[in-house]
Amino acid sequence: MIRVGIVGGTGYTGAELLRILLRHPQVSISAITSRGEAGQPVSEVFPHLRGSLDLCFTEPNPDALAACDLVFFATPNGTAMQTTPELLGRGVRVIDLAADFRLKDVALWERWYGMPHQCPELLAEAAYGLPELNREAIRDARLVANPGCYPTAVTLGFLPLLEQQAIDPTWLIADVKSGVSGAGRKATTGLLMAEVGESFKAYSVSGHRHAPEITQNLKQFAGVDVELTFVPHLVPMIRGIETTLYARLTDTSIDLERLYAERYAQEPFIDLMPGGHPDTRSVRGANLCRIAVGRQGDGGAVVIVQSVIDNLVKGAAGQAVQNMNLMFGVAESTGLEGLALLP
């Protein structure tokens, strides 16, 4: 059994991580920490787990976490980097679901996240946890930086085109929409149902902190600098991310559906929808990314890619478990076979 600990188990991502891990046949949950809820039974904070988990939240304890094989950090940005060096030194592997280890450039990270990085020496070592891009590095990693939800959806959408140099890397547009759970489990006026319901808006138009992460990914497999316009939107739903991506083809004769089918043929969590229009509810609760690709008009110079994920699953907790499976030599889909929820 893989003994796991979860630091920061009271947010939406922590709750989703618990839901998935409790169905995993090779995992034993040893510790769940929360400073605010220490001593409380987990099932009182999350009633949907009643009868499935008999643990209480505890204060973070380095010795208890060091007894784990793997620790997940489902914490705000800036938390994991304070404890990760000690855990690694004690032989514990770490998956950070926040952004502490996603960017390789420490100056860029500090500019976007507004704080000094506590262990910049680990940035080069951390494996970026997008299996479809980085599977072999994840297998051998001590430390995995789980991708952001927006970067997951955008990267998987653009990946086949940029790898084959089929599009102009200087003209990329990502028009992305997210449900409100992507902002976390906190009391914020702008996220109240009365504020979000029956409304739709763009935000962080001048620059979102996921933009440098997306650009870092795209540059990695494009092999050249890229120019990306990325605009996120908040929509009145709880879960889900929909991305509509635009790019200019360098070869309009290319068979787009074949390109995507060949690139993702062996990927267990990519579902291609030829001629379709994937919607967010079709992946709700599932560790899937559904993708459709097409173009408009006779010229067809602009390719349009749609990709959808559940931001809490493939965009966070599910992908983290997928990474854990790779790190411990477990079949990649173990614990992640659940179907999407409908309606």
C-alpha atoms as a PDB file:
ATOM      1  CA  MET A   1       0.000   0.000   0.000  1.00  0.00           C
ATOM      2  CA  ILE A   2       1.071   3.570  -0.674  1.00  0.00           C
ATOM      3  CA  ARG A   3       0.867   5.558   2.564  1.00  0.00           C
ATOM      4  CA  VAL A   4      -0.204   9.106   1.736  1.00  0.00           C
ATOM      5  CA  GLY A   5      -0.634  12.314   3.651  1.00  0.00           C
ATOM      6  CA  ILE A   6      -2.625  15.349   2.559  1.00  0.00           C
ATOM      7  CA  VAL A   7      -1.616  18.812   3.726  1.00  0.00           C
ATOM      8  CA  GLY A   8      -4.488  21.261   3.476  1.00  0.00           C
ATOM      9  CA  GLY A   9      -7.436  18.915   3.253  1.00  0.00           C
ATOM     10  CA  THR A  10     -10.341  21.340   3.715  1.00  0.00           C
ATOM     11  CA  GLY A  11     -10.510  22.994   0.294  1.00  0.00           C
ATOM     12  CA  TYR A  12     -12.343  21.782  -2.794  1.00  0.00           C
ATOM     13  CA  THR A  13      -9.182  20.204  -4.170  1.00  0.00           C
ATOM     14  CA  GLY A  14      -8.476  18.446  -0.876  1.00  0.00           C
ATOM     15  CA  ALA A  15     -12.042  17.111  -0.748  1.00  0.00           C
ATOM     16  CA  GLU A  16     -11.776  15.825  -4.303  1.00  0.00           C
ATOM     17  CA  LEU A  17      -8.430  14.221  -3.539  1.00  0.00           C
ATOM     18  CA  LEU A  18     -10.004  12.387  -0.607  1.00  0.00           C
ATOM     19  CA  ARG A  19     -12.953  11.224  -2.717  1.00  0.00           C
ATOM     20  CA  ILE A  20     -10.620   9.742  -5.345  1.00  0.00           C
ATOM     21  CA  LEU A  21      -8.053   8.240  -2.975  1.00  0.00           C
ATOM     22  CA  LEU A  22     -10.720   6.483  -0.909  1.00  0.00           C
ATOM     23  CA  ARG A  23     -11.576   4.423  -3.999  1.00  0.00           C
ATOM     24  CA  HIS A  24      -7.946   3.656  -4.802  1.00  0.00           C
ATOM     25  CA  PRO A  25      -7.155  -0.005  -4.032  1.00  0.00           C
ATOM     26  CA  GLN A  26      -3.462   0.609  -3.329  1.00  0.00           C
ATOM     27  CA  VAL A  27      -3.629   3.693  -1.106  1.00  0.00           C
ATOM     28  CA  SER A  28      -3.826   4.116   2.644  1.00  0.00           C
ATOM     29  CA  ILE A  29      -4.519   7.653   3.886  1.00  0.00           C
ATOM     30  CA  SER A  30      -2.348   8.225   6.958  1.00  0.00           C
ATOM     31  CA  ALA A  31      -2.805  11.919   7.738  1.00  0.00           C
ATOM     32  CA  ILE A  32      -4.941  14.899   6.700  1.00  0.00           C
ATOM     33  CA  THR A  33      -3.875  18.249   8.059  1.00  0.00           C
ATOM     34  CA  SER A  34      -5.710  21.487   8.663  1.00  0.00           C
ATOM     35  CA  ARG A  35      -4.758  24.136  11.187  1.00  0.00           C
ATOM     36  CA  GLY A  36      -8.284  25.538  11.293  1.00  0.00           C
ATOM     37  CA  GLU A  37     -10.116  22.206  11.600  1.00  0.00           C
ATOM     38  CA  ALA A  38      -7.588  20.234  13.692  1.00  0.00           C
ATOM     39  CA  GLY A  39      -9.373  17.697  15.891  1.00  0.00           C
ATOM     40  CA  GLN A  40     -12.532  17.702  13.780  1.00  0.00           C
ATOM     41  CA  PRO A  41     -13.595  14.436  12.104  1.00  0.00           C
ATOM     42  CA  VAL A  42     -13.169  14.767   8.365  1.00  0.00           C
ATOM     43  CA  SER A  43     -16.697  13.433   7.847  1.00  0.00           C
ATOM     44  CA  GLU A  44     -18.140  16.365   9.820  1.00  0.00           C
ATOM     45  CA  VAL A  45     -16.512  18.861   7.479  1.00  0.00           C
ATOM     46  CA  PHE A  46     -17.329  16.763   4.409  1.00  0.00           C
ATOM     47  CA  PRO A  47     -20.537  14.809   5.081  1.00  0.00           C
ATOM     48  CA  HIS A  48     -20.328  13.062   1.693  1.00  0.00           C
ATOM     49  CA  LEU A  49     -17.423  11.051   3.154  1.00  0.00           C
ATOM     50  CA  ARG A  50     -19.440   9.702   6.124  1.00  0.00           C
ATOM     51  CA  GLY A  51     -18.924   5.981   6.504  1.00  0.00           C
ATOM     52  CA  SER A  52     -15.910   5.983   4.202  1.00  0.00           C
ATOM     53  CA  LEU A  53     -13.234   7.718   6.257  1.00  0.00           C
ATOM     54  CA  ASP A  54     -12.565   7.519   9.986  1.00  0.00           C
ATOM     55  CA  LEU A  55      -9.902  10.168  10.409  1.00  0.00           C
ATOM     56  CA  CYS A  56      -9.695  13.572  12.063  1.00  0.00           C
ATOM     57  CA  PHE A  57      -7.903  16.611  10.746  1.00  0.00           C
ATOM     58  CA  THR A  58      -4.603  17.202  12.537  1.00  0.00           C
ATOM     59  CA  GLU A  59      -2.107  20.009  12.875  1.00  0.00           C
ATOM     60  CA  PRO A  60       0.743  19.649  10.370  1.00  0.00           C
ATOM     61  CA  ASN A  61       3.301  17.370  12.015  1.00  0.00           C
ATOM     62  CA  PRO A  62       6.624  16.804  10.202  1.00  0.00           C
ATOM     63  CA  ASP A  63       7.169  13.438  11.874  1.00  0.00           C
ATOM     64  CA  ALA A  64       3.727  12.135  10.906  1.00  0.00           C
ATOM     65  CA  LEU A  65       4.176  13.331   7.336  1.00  0.00           C
ATOM     66  CA  ALA A  66       7.659  11.814   7.205  1.00  0.00           C
ATOM     67  CA  ALA A  67       6.090   8.404   7.901  1.00  0.00           C
ATOM     68  CA  CYS A  68       4.246   8.649   4.571  1.00  0.00           C
ATOM     69  CA  ASP A  69       5.479   7.435   1.214  1.00  0.00           C
ATOM     70  CA  LEU A  70       3.961  10.465  -0.519  1.00  0.00           C
ATOM     71  CA  VAL A  71       2.559  13.792   0.618  1.00  0.00           C
ATOM     72  CA  PHE A  72       0.081  15.822  -1.426  1.00  0.00           C
ATOM     73  CA  PHE A  73       0.004  19.571  -0.807  1.00  0.00           C
ATOM     74  CA  ALA A  74      -3.496  20.900  -1.499  1.00  0.00           C
ATOM     75  CA  THR A  75      -2.560  24.268  -0.063  1.00  0.00           C
ATOM     76  CA  PRO A  76      -2.375  27.908  -1.145  1.00  0.00           C
ATOM     77  CA  ASN A  77       0.611  29.033  -3.197  1.00  0.00           C
ATOM     78  CA  GLY A  78       3.703  29.481  -1.051  1.00  0.00           C
ATOM     79  CA  THR A  79       2.955  26.721   1.468  1.00  0.00           C
ATOM     80  CA  ALA A  80       4.506  23.579  -0.010  1.00  0.00           C
ATOM     81  CA  MET A  81       7.899  25.175  -0.575  1.00  0.00           C
ATOM     82  CA  GLN A  82       8.321  25.706   3.181  1.00  0.00           C
ATOM     83  CA  THR A  83       8.147  21.997   4.052  1.00  0.00           C
ATOM     84  CA  THR A  84       9.090  20.139   0.875  1.00  0.00           C
ATOM     85  CA  PRO A  85      12.904  20.234   1.345  1.00  0.00           C
ATOM     86  CA  GLU A  86      12.616  18.547   4.752  1.00  0.00           C
ATOM     87  CA  LEU A  87      10.219  15.887   3.451  1.00  0.00           C
ATOM     88  CA  LEU A  88      12.429  15.100   0.473  1.00  0.00           C
ATOM     89  CA  GLY A  89      15.408  14.868   2.806  1.00  0.00           C
ATOM     90  CA  ARG A  90      13.530  12.277   4.846  1.00  0.00           C
ATOM     91  CA  GLY A  91      12.747  10.147   1.804  1.00  0.00           C
ATOM     92  CA  VAL A  92       9.148  11.273   1.223  1.00  0.00           C
ATOM     93  CA  ARG A  93       7.958  12.013  -2.303  1.00  0.00           C
ATOM     94  CA  VAL A  94       5.858  15.132  -2.852  1.00  0.00           C
ATOM     95  CA  ILE A  95       3.148  16.257  -5.253  1.00  0.00           C
ATOM     96  CA  ASP A  96       2.285  19.938  -4.980  1.00  0.00           C
ATOM     97  CA  LEU A  97      -1.140  20.855  -6.353  1.00  0.00           C
ATOM     98  CA  ALA A  98      -0.377  24.570  -6.039  1.00  0.00           C
ATOM     99  CA  ALA A  99       2.091  26.575  -8.103  1.00  0.00           C
ATOM    100  CA  ASP A 100       5.244  26.503  -5.970  1.00  0.00           C
ATOM    101  CA  PHE A 101       7.298  24.383  -8.389  1.00  0.00           C
ATOM    102  CA  ARG A 102       5.635  24.872 -11.770  1.00  0.00           C
ATOM    103  CA  LEU A 103       7.839  27.633 -13.158  1.00  0.00           C
ATOM    104  CA  LYS A 104      11.529  26.992 -13.753  1.00  0.00           C
ATOM    105  CA  ASP A 105      12.531  30.675 -13.675  1.00  0.00           C
ATOM    106  CA  VAL A 106      12.648  31.800 -10.033  1.00  0.00           C
ATOM    107  CA  ALA A 107      12.541  35.517 -10.895  1.00  0.00           C
ATOM    108  CA  LEU A 108       9.461  34.946 -13.036  1.00  0.00           C
ATOM    109  CA  TRP A 109       7.810  32.944 -10.242  1.00  0.00           C
ATOM    110  CA  GLU A 110       8.498  35.645  -7.656  1.00  0.00           C
ATOM    111  CA  ARG A 111       7.138  38.348  -9.950  1.00  0.00           C
ATOM    112  CA  TRP A 112       3.845  36.542 -10.569  1.00  0.00           C
ATOM    113  CA  TYR A 113       3.324  35.155  -7.057  1.00  0.00           C
ATOM    114  CA  GLY A 114       4.580  38.151  -5.101  1.00  0.00           C
ATOM    115  CA  MET A 115       6.838  36.431  -2.561  1.00  0.00           C
ATOM    116  CA  PRO A 116      10.402  35.108  -2.305  1.00  0.00           C
ATOM    117  CA  HIS A 117      10.787  31.457  -3.227  1.00  0.00           C
ATOM    118  CA  GLN A 118      11.999  29.430  -0.242  1.00  0.00           C
ATOM    119  CA  CYS A 119      13.770  26.640  -2.153  1.00  0.00           C
ATOM    120  CA  PRO A 120      14.628  27.788  -5.683  1.00  0.00           C
ATOM    121  CA  GLU A 121      17.213  24.995  -5.917  1.00  0.00           C
ATOM    122  CA  LEU A 122      14.320  22.520  -6.314  1.00  0.00           C
ATOM    123  CA  LEU A 123      12.727  24.221  -9.325  1.00  0.00           C
ATOM    124  CA  ALA A 124      15.021  22.505 -11.809  1.00  0.00           C
ATOM    125  CA  GLU A 125      14.422  19.097 -10.227  1.00  0.00           C
ATOM    126  CA  ALA A 126      10.630  19.266 -10.021  1.00  0.00           C
ATOM    127  CA  ALA A 127       8.917  17.267 -12.765  1.00  0.00           C
ATOM    128  CA  TYR A 128       6.025  19.087 -14.392  1.00  0.00           C
ATOM    129  CA  GLY A 129       3.098  16.757 -13.799  1.00  0.00           C
ATOM    130  CA  LEU A 130       1.310  16.651 -17.143  1.00  0.00           C
ATOM    131  CA  PRO A 131       1.594  12.949 -18.031  1.00  0.00           C
ATOM    132  CA  GLU A 132       0.728  13.426 -21.699  1.00  0.00           C
ATOM    133  CA  LEU A 133       3.789  15.644 -21.996  1.00  0.00           C
ATOM    134  CA  ASN A 134       6.187  14.416 -19.335  1.00  0.00           C
ATOM    135  CA  ARG A 135       5.380  10.830 -18.387  1.00  0.00           C
ATOM    136  CA  GLU A 136       8.896   9.414 -18.084  1.00  0.00           C
ATOM    137  CA  ALA A 137      10.189  12.267 -15.937  1.00  0.00           C
ATOM    138  CA  ILE A 138       7.212  11.848 -13.592  1.00  0.00           C
ATOM    139  CA  ARG A 139       7.945   8.146 -13.091  1.00  0.00           C
ATOM    140  CA  ASP A 140      11.383   8.894 -11.641  1.00  0.00           C
ATOM    141  CA  ALA A 141      10.538  12.093  -9.767  1.00  0.00           C
ATOM    142  CA  ARG A 142      10.807  12.809  -6.049  1.00  0.00           C
ATOM    143  CA  LEU A 143       8.900  16.055  -6.541  1.00  0.00           C
ATOM    144  CA  VAL A 144       6.052  16.704  -8.986  1.00  0.00           C
ATOM    145  CA  ALA A 145       4.515  20.083  -9.751  1.00  0.00           C
ATOM    146  CA  ASN A 146       0.895  19.355 -10.571  1.00  0.00           C
ATOM    147  CA  PRO A 147      -0.214  21.665 -13.407  1.00  0.00           C
ATOM    148  CA  GLY A 148      -2.787  24.391 -13.085  1.00  0.00           C
ATOM    149  CA  CYS A 149      -6.267  23.775 -14.464  1.00  0.00           C
ATOM    150  CA  TYR A 150      -6.078  26.370 -17.231  1.00  0.00           C
ATOM    151  CA  PRO A 151      -2.598  25.227 -18.337  1.00  0.00           C
ATOM    152  CA  THR A 152      -3.802  21.610 -18.497  1.00  0.00           C
ATOM    153  CA  ALA A 153      -6.712  22.392 -20.813  1.00  0.00           C
ATOM    154  CA  VAL A 154      -4.791  24.837 -23.018  1.00  0.00           C
ATOM    155  CA  THR A 155      -1.632  22.745 -23.277  1.00  0.00           C
ATOM    156  CA  LEU A 156      -3.450  19.554 -24.233  1.00  0.00           C
ATOM    157  CA  GLY A 157      -5.402  21.465 -26.865  1.00  0.00           C
ATOM    158  CA  PHE A 158      -2.388  23.040 -28.582  1.00  0.00           C
ATOM    159  CA  LEU A 159       0.121  20.209 -28.059  1.00  0.00           C
ATOM    160  CA  PRO A 160      -0.290  18.148 -31.271  1.00  0.00           C
ATOM    161  CA  LEU A 161      -0.281  21.237 -33.500  1.00  0.00           C
ATOM    162  CA  LEU A 162       2.843  22.788 -32.010  1.00  0.00           C
ATOM    163  CA  GLU A 163       4.772  19.523 -31.849  1.00  0.00           C
ATOM    164  CA  GLN A 164       4.300  19.079 -35.596  1.00  0.00           C
ATOM    165  CA  GLN A 165       4.948  22.767 -36.350  1.00  0.00           C
ATOM    166  CA  ALA A 166       1.516  22.865 -37.969  1.00  0.00           C
ATOM    167  CA  ILE A 167       0.642  26.341 -36.645  1.00  0.00           C
ATOM    168  CA  ASP A 168       2.232  29.756 -36.357  1.00  0.00           C
ATOM    169  CA  PRO A 169       3.638  29.918 -32.771  1.00  0.00           C
ATOM    170  CA  THR A 170       3.458  33.715 -32.796  1.00  0.00           C
ATOM    171  CA  TRP A 171      -0.337  33.778 -33.177  1.00  0.00           C
ATOM    172  CA  LEU A 172      -2.042  31.737 -30.446  1.00  0.00           C
ATOM    173  CA  ILE A 173      -5.294  32.651 -28.718  1.00  0.00           C
ATOM    174  CA  ALA A 174      -6.828  30.914 -25.704  1.00  0.00           C
ATOM    175  CA  ASP A 175     -10.376  31.969 -24.791  1.00  0.00           C
ATOM    176  CA  VAL A 176     -11.079  30.051 -21.573  1.00  0.00           C
ATOM    177  CA  LYS A 177     -14.045  29.766 -19.186  1.00  0.00           C
ATOM    178  CA  SER A 178     -14.070  28.348 -15.662  1.00  0.00           C
ATOM    179  CA  GLY A 179     -16.563  27.466 -12.983  1.00  0.00           C
ATOM    180  CA  VAL A 180     -16.294  29.210  -9.615  1.00  0.00           C
ATOM    181  CA  SER A 181     -14.712  26.280  -7.738  1.00  0.00           C
ATOM    182  CA  GLY A 182     -11.472  27.123  -9.522  1.00  0.00           C
ATOM    183  CA  ALA A 183     -11.116  30.103  -7.189  1.00  0.00           C
ATOM    184  CA  GLY A 184     -11.060  27.881  -4.112  1.00  0.00           C
ATOM    185  CA  ARG A 185     -13.254  27.373  -1.054  1.00  0.00           C
ATOM    186  CA  LYS A 186     -13.350  30.759   0.562  1.00  0.00           C
ATOM    187  CA  ALA A 187     -15.853  33.493   1.362  1.00  0.00           C
ATOM    188  CA  THR A 188     -15.375  36.107  -1.348  1.00  0.00           C
ATOM    189  CA  THR A 189     -18.101  38.505  -2.390  1.00  0.00           C
ATOM    190  CA  GLY A 190     -17.369  38.144  -6.086  1.00  0.00           C
ATOM    191  CA  LEU A 191     -17.867  34.377  -5.866  1.00  0.00           C
ATOM    192  CA  LEU A 192     -21.231  34.408  -4.076  1.00  0.00           C
ATOM    193  CA  MET A 193     -24.070  32.823  -6.049  1.00  0.00           C
ATOM    194  CA  ALA A 194     -25.976  36.121  -6.065  1.00  0.00           C
ATOM    195  CA  GLU A 195     -22.932  37.754  -7.678  1.00  0.00           C
ATOM    196  CA  VAL A 196     -22.018  35.004 -10.146  1.00  0.00           C
ATOM    197  CA  GLY A 197     -25.453  33.639 -11.068  1.00  0.00           C
ATOM    198  CA  GLU A 198     -26.950  34.802 -14.370  1.00  0.00           C
ATOM    199  CA  SER A 199     -23.711  36.568 -15.229  1.00  0.00           C
ATOM    200  CA  PHE A 200     -20.582  36.035 -17.293  1.00  0.00           C
ATOM    201  CA  LYS A 201     -17.368  38.030 -17.264  1.00  0.00           C
ATOM    202  CA  ALA A 202     -13.709  38.065 -18.223  1.00  0.00           C
ATOM    203  CA  TYR A 203     -11.096  38.671 -15.549  1.00  0.00           C
ATOM    204  CA  SER A 204      -7.315  39.177 -15.289  1.00  0.00           C
ATOM    205  CA  VAL A 205      -7.370  40.390 -18.887  1.00  0.00           C
ATOM    206  CA  SER A 206      -4.095  42.280 -18.425  1.00  0.00           C
ATOM    207  CA  GLY A 207      -2.363  39.118 -17.232  1.00  0.00           C
ATOM    208  CA  HIS A 208      -3.212  35.923 -15.344  1.00  0.00           C
ATOM    209  CA  ARG A 209      -0.601  34.033 -13.294  1.00  0.00           C
ATOM    210  CA  HIS A 210      -1.258  30.868 -15.298  1.00  0.00           C
ATOM    211  CA  ALA A 211      -0.096  32.594 -18.482  1.00  0.00           C
ATOM    212  CA  PRO A 212       3.659  32.102 -17.889  1.00  0.00           C
ATOM    213  CA  GLU A 213       3.029  28.446 -17.016  1.00  0.00           C
ATOM    214  CA  ILE A 214       1.135  27.914 -20.276  1.00  0.00           C
ATOM    215  CA  THR A 215       3.803  29.739 -22.265  1.00  0.00           C
ATOM    216  CA  GLN A 216       6.542  27.660 -20.621  1.00  0.00           C
ATOM    217  CA  ASN A 217       4.733  24.491 -21.727  1.00  0.00           C
ATOM    218  CA  LEU A 218       4.061  25.627 -25.273  1.00  0.00           C
ATOM    219  CA  LYS A 219       7.639  26.778 -25.761  1.00  0.00           C
ATOM    220  CA  GLN A 220       8.931  23.410 -24.536  1.00  0.00           C
ATOM    221  CA  PHE A 221       7.367  21.434 -27.345  1.00  0.00           C
ATOM    222  CA  ALA A 222       7.260  24.163 -29.991  1.00  0.00           C
ATOM    223  CA  GLY A 223      11.017  24.576 -29.678  1.00  0.00           C
ATOM    224  CA  VAL A 224      10.717  28.340 -30.234  1.00  0.00           C
ATOM    225  CA  ASP A 225       9.272  31.345 -28.443  1.00  0.00           C
ATOM    226  CA  VAL A 226       5.490  31.603 -28.582  1.00  0.00           C
ATOM    227  CA  GLU A 227       3.125  34.539 -28.430  1.00  0.00           C
ATOM    228  CA  LEU A 228      -0.091  33.742 -26.585  1.00  0.00           C
ATOM    229  CA  THR A 229      -3.188  35.810 -25.894  1.00  0.00           C
ATOM    230  CA  PHE A 230      -4.885  34.196 -22.889  1.00  0.00           C
ATOM    231  CA  VAL A 231      -8.161  35.524 -21.490  1.00  0.00           C
ATOM    232  CA  PRO A 232      -9.974  33.657 -18.672  1.00  0.00           C
ATOM    233  CA  HIS A 233     -13.685  34.061 -17.922  1.00  0.00           C
ATOM    234  CA  LEU A 234     -15.855  33.225 -14.919  1.00  0.00           C
ATOM    235  CA  VAL A 235     -19.123  31.466 -15.702  1.00  0.00           C
ATOM    236  CA  PRO A 236     -22.022  30.636 -13.333  1.00  0.00           C
ATOM    237  CA  MET A 237     -21.313  26.951 -12.790  1.00  0.00           C
ATOM    238  CA  ILE A 238     -19.476  25.071 -10.049  1.00  0.00           C
ATOM    239  CA  ARG A 239     -17.107  22.806 -11.992  1.00  0.00           C
ATOM    240  CA  GLY A 240     -15.591  22.747 -15.422  1.00  0.00           C
ATOM    241  CA  ILE A 241     -13.243  24.477 -17.816  1.00  0.00           C
ATOM    242  CA  GLU A 242     -13.972  25.065 -21.484  1.00  0.00           C
ATOM    243  CA  THR A 243     -11.217  26.282 -23.754  1.00  0.00           C
ATOM    244  CA  THR A 244     -11.678  27.562 -27.274  1.00  0.00           C
ATOM    245  CA  LEU A 245      -8.254  27.854 -28.895  1.00  0.00           C
ATOM    246  CA  TYR A 246      -7.385  29.614 -32.134  1.00  0.00           C
ATOM    247  CA  ALA A 247      -4.238  29.336 -34.270  1.00  0.00           C
ATOM    248  CA  ARG A 248      -3.156  29.922 -37.866  1.00  0.00           C
ATOM    249  CA  LEU A 249      -2.207  26.807 -39.814  1.00  0.00           C
ATOM    250  CA  THR A 250       1.097  26.787 -41.664  1.00  0.00           C
ATOM    251  CA  ASP A 251      -0.211  23.981 -43.904  1.00  0.00           C
ATOM    252  CA  THR A 252      -3.927  24.062 -44.682  1.00  0.00           C
ATOM    253  CA  SER A 253      -3.811  20.582 -46.241  1.00  0.00           C
ATOM    254  CA  ILE A 254      -3.079  18.896 -42.917  1.00  0.00           C
ATOM    255  CA  ASP A 255      -5.535  16.255 -41.664  1.00  0.00           C
ATOM    256  CA  LEU A 256      -6.325  17.683 -38.240  1.00  0.00           C
ATOM    257  CA  GLU A 257      -8.337  14.777 -36.899  1.00  0.00           C
ATOM    258  CA  ARG A 258      -5.661  12.291 -37.908  1.00  0.00           C
ATOM    259  CA  LEU A 259      -2.976  14.445 -36.290  1.00  0.00           C
ATOM    260  CA  TYR A 260      -4.810  14.452 -32.963  1.00  0.00           C
ATOM    261  CA  ALA A 261      -5.771  10.784 -33.194  1.00  0.00           C
ATOM    262  CA  GLU A 262      -2.155   9.729 -33.724  1.00  0.00           C
ATOM    263  CA  ARG A 263      -0.787  11.958 -30.956  1.00  0.00           C
ATOM    264  CA  TYR A 264      -3.288  10.837 -28.346  1.00  0.00           C
ATOM    265  CA  ALA A 265      -3.845   7.231 -29.439  1.00  0.00           C
ATOM    266  CA  GLN A 266      -2.303   5.768 -26.280  1.00  0.00           C
ATOM    267  CA  GLU A 267      -3.563   8.352 -23.803  1.00  0.00           C
ATOM    268  CA  PRO A 268      -6.119   6.883 -21.381  1.00  0.00           C
ATOM    269  CA  PHE A 269      -7.573  10.231 -20.342  1.00  0.00           C
ATOM    270  CA  ILE A 270      -7.872  12.010 -23.694  1.00  0.00           C
ATOM    271  CA  ASP A 271     -11.144  11.546 -25.565  1.00  0.00           C
ATOM    272  CA  LEU A 272     -11.290  12.939 -29.094  1.00  0.00           C
ATOM    273  CA  MET A 273     -14.673  13.920 -30.517  1.00  0.00           C
ATOM    274  CA  PRO A 274     -14.426  14.102 -34.331  1.00  0.00           C
ATOM    275  CA  GLY A 275     -16.836  16.731 -35.557  1.00  0.00           C
ATOM    276  CA  GLY A 276     -18.188  17.199 -32.040  1.00  0.00           C
ATOM    277  CA  HIS A 277     -18.512  20.003 -29.546  1.00  0.00           C
ATOM    278  CA  PRO A 278     -17.431  18.828 -26.084  1.00  0.00           C
ATOM    279  CA  ASP A 279     -19.279  20.309 -23.150  1.00  0.00           C
ATOM    280  CA  THR A 280     -18.131  20.621 -19.560  1.00  0.00           C
ATOM    281  CA  ARG A 281     -20.872  18.463 -18.088  1.00  0.00           C
ATOM    282  CA  SER A 282     -19.595  15.488 -20.108  1.00  0.00           C
ATOM    283  CA  VAL A 283     -16.429  15.419 -17.956  1.00  0.00           C
ATOM    284  CA  ARG A 284     -17.921  16.445 -14.611  1.00  0.00           C
ATOM    285  CA  GLY A 285     -16.293  14.293 -11.932  1.00  0.00           C
ATOM    286  CA  ALA A 286     -14.088  12.405 -14.411  1.00  0.00           C
ATOM    287  CA  ASN A 287     -10.353  12.567 -15.076  1.00  0.00           C
ATOM    288  CA  LEU A 288     -10.907  13.220 -18.774  1.00  0.00           C
ATOM    289  CA  CYS A 289      -9.975  15.873 -21.280  1.00  0.00           C
ATOM    290  CA  ARG A 290     -12.339  15.845 -24.251  1.00  0.00           C
ATOM    291  CA  ILE A 291     -11.086  17.549 -27.399  1.00  0.00           C
ATOM    292  CA  ALA A 292     -12.554  18.496 -30.764  1.00  0.00           C
ATOM    293  CA  VAL A 293     -10.698  20.207 -33.609  1.00  0.00           C
ATOM    294  CA  GLY A 294     -11.945  21.923 -36.764  1.00  0.00           C
ATOM    295  CA  ARG A 295     -11.891  25.001 -38.943  1.00  0.00           C
ATOM    296  CA  GLN A 296     -14.330  27.413 -40.553  1.00  0.00           C
ATOM    297  CA  GLY A 297     -14.762  28.474 -44.164  1.00  0.00           C
ATOM    298  CA  ASP A 298     -13.173  27.293 -47.389  1.00  0.00           C
ATOM    299  CA  GLY A 299      -9.701  28.686 -46.720  1.00  0.00           C
ATOM    300  CA  GLY A 300      -9.457  27.054 -43.322  1.00  0.00           C
ATOM    301  CA  ALA A 301      -6.340  28.964 -42.314  1.00  0.00           C
ATOM    302  CA  VAL A 302      -7.509  29.265 -38.703  1.00  0.00           C
ATOM    303  CA  VAL A 303      -7.800  26.086 -36.668  1.00  0.00           C
ATOM    304  CA  ILE A 304     -10.216  26.008 -33.738  1.00  0.00           C
ATOM    305  CA  VAL A 305      -9.640  23.580 -30.900  1.00  0.00           C
ATOM    306  CA  GLN A 306     -12.100  22.966 -28.078  1.00  0.00           C
ATOM    307  CA  SER A 307     -11.044  21.134 -24.935  1.00  0.00           C
ATOM    308  CA  VAL A 308     -12.973  20.583 -21.718  1.00  0.00           C
ATOM    309  CA  ILE A 309     -11.926  19.267 -18.301  1.00  0.00           C
ATOM    310  CA  ASP A 310     -13.254  19.182 -14.760  1.00  0.00           C
ATOM    311  CA  ASN A 311     -10.997  21.718 -13.036  1.00  0.00           C
ATOM    312  CA  LEU A 312     -11.080  19.733  -9.772  1.00  0.00           C
ATOM    313  CA  VAL A 313     -10.238  16.368 -11.369  1.00  0.00           C
ATOM    314  CA  LYS A 314      -8.092  16.412 -14.522  1.00  0.00           C
ATOM    315  CA  GLY A 315      -7.299  20.011 -13.598  1.00  0.00           C
ATOM    316  CA  ALA A 316      -6.174  19.152 -10.057  1.00  0.00           C
ATOM    317  CA  ALA A 317      -6.833  16.099  -7.830  1.00  0.00           C
ATOM    318  CA  GLY A 318      -7.375  13.481 -10.529  1.00  0.00           C
ATOM    319  CA  GLN A 319      -4.229  14.471 -12.343  1.00  0.00           C
ATOM    320  CA  ALA A 320      -2.328  14.376  -9.042  1.00  0.00           C
ATOM    321  CA  VAL A 321      -3.454  10.771  -8.512  1.00  0.00           C
ATOM    322  CA  GLN A 322      -2.512   9.981 -12.107  1.00  0.00           C
ATOM    323  CA  ASN A 323       0.971  11.296 -11.291  1.00  0.00           C
ATOM    324  CA  MET A 324       1.105   9.295  -8.062  1.00  0.00           C
ATOM    325  CA  ASN A 325       0.311   6.122  -9.996  1.00  0.00           C
ATOM    326  CA  LEU A 326       3.190   6.787 -12.365  1.00  0.00           C
ATOM    327  CA  MET A 327       5.606   7.543  -9.513  1.00  0.00           C
ATOM    328  CA  PHE A 328       4.841   4.249  -7.754  1.00  0.00           C
ATOM    329  CA  GLY A 329       4.616   1.981 -10.784  1.00  0.00           C
ATOM    330  CA  VAL A 330       0.856   1.516 -10.489  1.00  0.00           C
ATOM    331  CA  ALA A 331      -1.341   1.249 -13.576  1.00  0.00           C
ATOM    332  CA  GLU A 332      -1.962   4.850 -14.557  1.00  0.00           C
ATOM    333  CA  SER A 333      -5.759   4.680 -14.523  1.00  0.00           C
ATOM    334  CA  THR A 334      -6.027   2.991 -11.102  1.00  0.00           C
ATOM    335  CA  GLY A 335      -8.606   4.761  -8.954  1.00  0.00           C
ATOM    336  CA  LEU A 336      -9.564   7.028 -11.833  1.00  0.00           C
ATOM    337  CA  GLU A 337     -11.968   4.832 -13.768  1.00  0.00           C
ATOM    338  CA  GLY A 338     -15.095   6.668 -12.599  1.00  0.00           C
ATOM    339  CA  LEU A 339     -17.505   7.920 -15.248  1.00  0.00           C
ATOM    340  CA  ALA A 340     -18.639  11.511 -15.519  1.00  0.00           C
ATOM    341  CA  LEU A 341     -21.780  12.603 -13.654  1.00  0.00           C
ATOM    342  CA  LEU A 342     -24.926  13.400 -15.617  1.00  0.00           C
ATOM    343  CA  PRO A 343     -26.987  15.516 -15.237  1.00  0.00           C
END
